[in-house]
Amino acid sequence: MEISLKNKIILVTGAGQGIGNELCKRLSAAGCHVIGVSRTIGPLQELKRDCPDIETIAVDLGDWKATRRCLDHIKRVDGVVNNAGIAIIKPFQEFTEEDFDRTFSVNTKAVFNVSQMMATRMPSIGGSIVNVSSLASMRSFQGHAVYSASKAAVDSITRSMALEFGPKNIRVNSINPTVILTRMGRENWSDPAKAKPLLDNIPLHRFGEVSEVVDAIIFLLSDKSSFMTGSSLPLEGGYCAC
């Protein structure tokens, strides 16, 4: 199946590392004009060195007004990938108000803010918005109470946007991966004792690779998924089948 996104303008948040960084590189290589957004300047500078054609924007997406100021110059986008997120994992009783507010500001509120802005910049033929959610929105895991709630809210927003934007031919879907072996993923799940209980419930008995998430996002951005909207696509090696 050949997928073409050549000459499309795609905005990607969380572009500094992991999934967002690899996605930006893949989209740029495919002939897209990529706008990469991240809070940290250093990784964006490295991304720019690797792919000079990528436009980079440094902003803390948890800051609603700063995000609006920094993205206001964008006149058109064909696709948006809301990938930026944080994960604060700790026992329920140890979460603070700051933990809660910061998690929802980045994981949920930023998705709403960026999507609300960029939907008005999509052409009359429509576009595609992909929200990076998590398996944790569908299943409960120890220490994930706030993170899971923030991602469940992303899935709900995804369905609401799909309903409201459908008449404008703007498709909105989420992807819901399990552990993905980014640098952070490898660091957090390298302990076999920690990983085994989760792996025992994954029929493929492995965690996901960054390239597999990127493949799914590119599919949802493309016309090959033209009749998909309002969906939450699990990328979990069969975990939900158990």
Protein backbone atom coordinates (compact mmCIF):
# COMPACT_ATOMS: atom_id res chain seq x y z
CA MET A 1 0.00 0.00 0.00
CA GLU A 2 1.56 3.27 -1.11
CA ILE A 3 0.87 6.29 1.06
CA SER A 4 1.61 9.77 -0.22
CA LEU A 5 1.63 12.90 1.94
CA LYS A 6 3.85 14.92 -0.37
CA ASN A 7 3.44 18.70 -0.08
CA LYS A 8 1.11 18.35 2.93
CA ILE A 9 1.63 20.72 5.86
CA ILE A 10 1.72 18.73 9.09
CA LEU A 11 2.08 20.12 12.62
CA VAL A 12 3.56 17.74 15.20
CA THR A 13 3.73 18.49 18.92
CA GLY A 14 6.24 16.78 21.18
CA ALA A 15 8.74 16.91 18.32
CA GLY A 16 11.85 17.02 20.48
CA GLN A 17 12.18 13.33 21.23
CA GLY A 18 10.74 9.85 20.87
CA ILE A 19 7.71 9.29 18.67
CA GLY A 20 7.29 12.95 17.69
CA ASN A 21 10.92 13.33 16.66
CA GLU A 22 10.92 10.20 14.49
CA LEU A 23 7.56 11.18 12.99
CA CYS A 24 8.88 14.60 11.97
CA LYS A 25 11.85 13.01 10.22
CA ARG A 26 9.69 10.48 8.40
CA LEU A 27 7.19 13.11 7.27
CA SER A 28 9.96 15.43 6.08
CA ALA A 29 11.54 12.59 4.10
CA ALA A 30 8.12 11.94 2.53
CA GLY A 31 7.99 15.49 1.15
CA CYS A 32 5.84 17.17 3.80
CA HIS A 33 6.35 20.64 5.19
CA VAL A 34 6.67 19.78 8.88
CA ILE A 35 6.11 22.15 11.79
CA GLY A 36 7.71 20.61 14.87
CA VAL A 37 6.68 21.95 18.27
CA SER A 38 8.44 21.23 21.55
CA ARG A 39 9.05 22.85 24.94
CA THR A 40 12.81 22.37 24.86
CA ILE A 41 15.00 24.26 22.40
CA GLY A 42 18.01 21.91 22.33
CA PRO A 43 16.26 18.89 20.78
CA LEU A 44 14.56 21.16 18.25
CA GLN A 45 17.94 22.51 17.20
CA GLU A 46 19.18 18.95 16.69
CA LEU A 47 16.06 18.13 14.66
CA LYS A 48 16.67 21.21 12.52
CA ARG A 49 20.27 20.14 11.92
CA ASP A 50 19.12 16.70 10.81
CA CYS A 51 16.24 18.02 8.68
CA PRO A 52 16.82 21.67 7.72
CA ASP A 53 13.44 21.95 5.98
CA ILE A 54 11.51 21.39 9.20
CA GLU A 55 10.06 24.50 10.81
CA THR A 56 10.54 24.41 14.58
CA ILE A 57 8.64 26.23 17.32
CA ALA A 58 9.64 26.21 20.99
CA VAL A 59 6.73 26.71 23.40
CA ASP A 60 5.37 25.16 26.58
CA LEU A 61 2.07 23.71 25.40
CA GLY A 62 0.85 23.75 28.99
CA ASP A 63 0.67 27.55 28.66
CA TRP A 64 -2.58 28.25 26.75
CA LYS A 65 -1.85 31.87 25.84
CA ALA A 66 1.80 31.33 24.90
CA THR A 67 0.74 28.46 22.62
CA ARG A 68 -1.78 30.69 20.87
CA ARG A 69 0.82 33.40 20.35
CA CYS A 70 3.46 31.04 18.98
CA LEU A 71 1.16 29.20 16.58
CA ASP A 72 -0.88 32.16 15.42
CA HIS A 73 1.31 32.80 12.34
CA ILE A 74 0.42 29.40 10.84
CA LYS A 75 -1.99 30.02 7.98
CA ARG A 76 -2.68 26.48 6.81
CA VAL A 77 -2.26 22.89 7.95
CA ASP A 78 -3.42 19.65 6.37
CA GLY A 79 -2.74 17.52 9.41
CA VAL A 80 -2.09 17.82 13.14
CA VAL A 81 -0.51 15.26 15.45
CA ASN A 82 -1.06 16.03 19.12
CA ASN A 83 1.76 13.93 20.47
CA ALA A 84 3.18 16.00 23.37
CA GLY A 85 2.57 14.48 26.77
CA ILE A 86 3.96 13.86 30.22
CA ALA A 87 3.61 10.88 32.54
CA ILE A 88 3.80 11.32 36.30
CA ILE A 89 3.53 7.84 37.77
CA LYS A 90 3.12 7.38 41.52
CA PRO A 91 0.66 5.88 44.02
CA PHE A 92 -2.76 7.53 44.10
CA GLN A 93 -2.31 8.99 47.58
CA GLU A 94 0.96 10.69 46.62
CA PHE A 95 -0.35 12.81 43.73
CA THR A 96 -0.31 16.54 44.34
CA GLU A 97 -2.45 19.29 42.90
CA GLU A 98 0.57 20.39 40.87
CA ASP A 99 0.93 16.87 39.42
CA PHE A 100 -2.74 16.83 38.47
CA ASP A 101 -2.81 20.29 36.92
CA ARG A 102 0.43 19.87 34.97
CA THR A 103 -0.64 16.48 33.58
CA PHE A 104 -3.99 17.75 32.37
CA SER A 105 -2.52 21.00 31.04
CA VAL A 106 -0.10 19.17 28.73
CA ASN A 107 -1.91 15.90 27.99
CA THR A 108 -5.46 17.17 27.59
CA LYS A 109 -5.82 20.95 27.57
CA ALA A 110 -3.07 21.37 24.96
CA VAL A 111 -4.81 18.87 22.65
CA PHE A 112 -7.97 20.95 22.88
CA ASN A 113 -6.14 24.25 22.41
CA VAL A 114 -3.99 23.24 19.45
CA SER A 115 -6.85 21.42 17.71
CA GLN A 116 -9.23 24.34 18.18
CA MET A 117 -6.71 26.68 16.57
CA MET A 118 -5.57 24.44 13.73
CA ALA A 119 -9.01 23.21 12.66
CA THR A 120 -9.73 26.73 11.42
CA ARG A 121 -6.54 26.60 9.32
CA MET A 122 -7.48 23.44 7.43
CA PRO A 123 -8.50 23.76 3.78
CA SER A 124 -12.04 23.29 2.48
CA ILE A 125 -11.19 19.75 1.38
CA GLY A 126 -10.58 18.88 5.03
CA GLY A 127 -7.72 17.36 6.93
CA SER A 128 -6.75 14.90 9.65
CA ILE A 129 -6.05 15.27 13.36
CA VAL A 130 -4.34 12.42 15.22
CA ASN A 131 -4.23 12.48 19.01
CA VAL A 132 -1.65 10.28 20.73
CA SER A 133 -3.49 8.73 23.64
CA SER A 134 -2.59 5.55 25.53
CA LEU A 135 -3.72 2.06 26.38
CA ALA A 136 -3.93 3.49 29.90
CA SER A 137 -7.09 5.32 28.84
CA MET A 138 -8.77 1.92 28.36
CA ARG A 139 -7.17 -0.17 31.10
CA SER A 140 -6.07 0.61 34.66
CA PHE A 141 -2.45 0.33 35.77
CA GLN A 142 -0.83 0.89 39.15
CA GLY A 143 0.31 4.48 39.64
CA HIS A 144 -1.37 5.75 36.48
CA ALA A 145 -4.50 7.36 37.98
CA VAL A 146 -3.90 10.91 36.77
CA TYR A 147 -2.17 9.93 33.53
CA SER A 148 -4.98 7.50 32.67
CA ALA A 149 -7.64 10.09 33.39
CA SER A 150 -5.91 12.65 31.18
CA LYS A 151 -5.72 10.19 28.29
CA ALA A 152 -9.33 9.04 28.74
CA ALA A 153 -10.25 12.70 28.35
CA VAL A 154 -8.23 12.81 25.11
CA ASP A 155 -10.27 9.89 23.74
CA SER A 156 -13.50 11.67 24.66
CA ILE A 157 -12.34 14.92 23.04
CA THR A 158 -11.37 12.91 19.95
CA ARG A 159 -14.91 11.60 19.55
CA SER A 160 -16.44 15.03 20.15
CA MET A 161 -14.17 16.65 17.57
CA ALA A 162 -14.94 13.89 15.06
CA LEU A 163 -18.66 14.58 15.49
CA GLU A 164 -18.36 18.35 15.14
CA PHE A 165 -15.69 18.47 12.44
CA GLY A 166 -17.12 15.69 10.26
CA PRO A 167 -19.24 18.05 8.14
CA LYS A 168 -16.02 19.94 7.32
CA ASN A 169 -14.34 16.68 6.24
CA ILE A 170 -11.85 16.92 9.11
CA ARG A 171 -11.19 13.46 10.48
CA VAL A 172 -10.11 13.03 14.10
CA ASN A 173 -8.73 9.78 15.54
CA SER A 174 -6.54 8.72 18.43
CA ILE A 175 -3.94 6.01 18.74
CA ASN A 176 -3.62 4.15 22.03
CA PRO A 177 -0.25 2.44 22.42
CA THR A 178 1.05 0.33 25.25
CA VAL A 179 4.68 0.74 26.32
CA ILE A 180 6.73 1.96 23.36
CA LEU A 181 10.49 1.54 23.37
CA THR A 182 11.52 5.16 23.14
CA ARG A 183 14.56 6.12 25.19
CA MET A 184 12.26 6.86 28.11
CA GLY A 185 10.33 3.65 27.55
CA ARG A 186 13.49 1.58 27.63
CA GLU A 187 14.66 3.29 30.81
CA ASN A 188 11.34 2.85 32.59
CA TRP A 189 10.71 -0.76 31.56
CA SER A 190 14.20 -2.28 31.42
CA ASP A 191 13.70 -4.08 34.74
CA PRO A 192 12.45 -7.60 33.87
CA ALA A 193 10.60 -7.87 37.17
CA LYS A 194 8.61 -4.74 36.35
CA ALA A 195 8.05 -5.60 32.68
CA LYS A 196 7.07 -9.26 33.09
CA PRO A 197 3.51 -8.80 34.47
CA LEU A 198 2.62 -6.53 31.54
CA LEU A 199 4.39 -8.66 28.93
CA ASP A 200 2.59 -11.75 30.24
CA ASN A 201 -0.68 -10.10 29.18
CA ILE A 202 0.52 -9.14 25.69
CA PRO A 203 0.02 -12.04 23.25
CA LEU A 204 2.91 -10.86 21.06
CA HIS A 205 5.01 -10.81 24.27
CA ARG A 206 6.92 -7.65 23.47
CA PHE A 207 6.56 -3.89 23.70
CA GLY A 208 6.06 -1.65 20.69
CA GLU A 209 8.72 0.05 18.60
CA VAL A 210 8.66 3.75 17.74
CA SER A 211 8.46 2.93 14.03
CA GLU A 212 5.23 0.99 14.58
CA VAL A 213 3.54 3.99 16.18
CA VAL A 214 4.82 6.28 13.43
CA ASP A 215 3.43 3.91 10.79
CA ALA A 216 -0.01 4.06 12.40
CA ILE A 217 0.03 7.85 12.64
CA ILE A 218 1.03 8.22 9.00
CA PHE A 219 -1.81 5.90 8.01
CA LEU A 220 -4.32 8.02 9.95
CA LEU A 221 -2.97 11.22 8.41
CA SER A 222 -3.30 9.81 4.91
CA ASP A 223 -6.21 9.28 2.54
CA LYS A 224 -5.85 5.53 3.11
CA SER A 225 -7.87 6.04 6.31
CA SER A 226 -10.42 8.30 4.63
CA PHE A 227 -13.45 6.60 6.24
CA MET A 228 -12.01 6.51 9.75
CA THR A 229 -12.96 9.17 12.27
CA GLY A 230 -13.79 9.14 15.96
CA SER A 231 -11.77 5.95 16.44
CA SER A 232 -9.32 5.05 19.18
CA LEU A 233 -6.84 2.63 17.64
CA PRO A 234 -5.15 0.29 20.14
CA LEU A 235 -1.49 -0.47 19.49
CA GLU A 236 -0.94 -3.02 22.21
CA GLY A 237 0.13 -6.36 20.78
CA GLY A 238 -3.22 -7.94 21.63
CA TYR A 239 -3.40 -6.84 25.28
CA CYS A 240 -7.11 -6.01 24.98
CA ALA A 241 -7.83 -9.51 23.65
CA CYS A 242 -6.83 -11.11 26.95
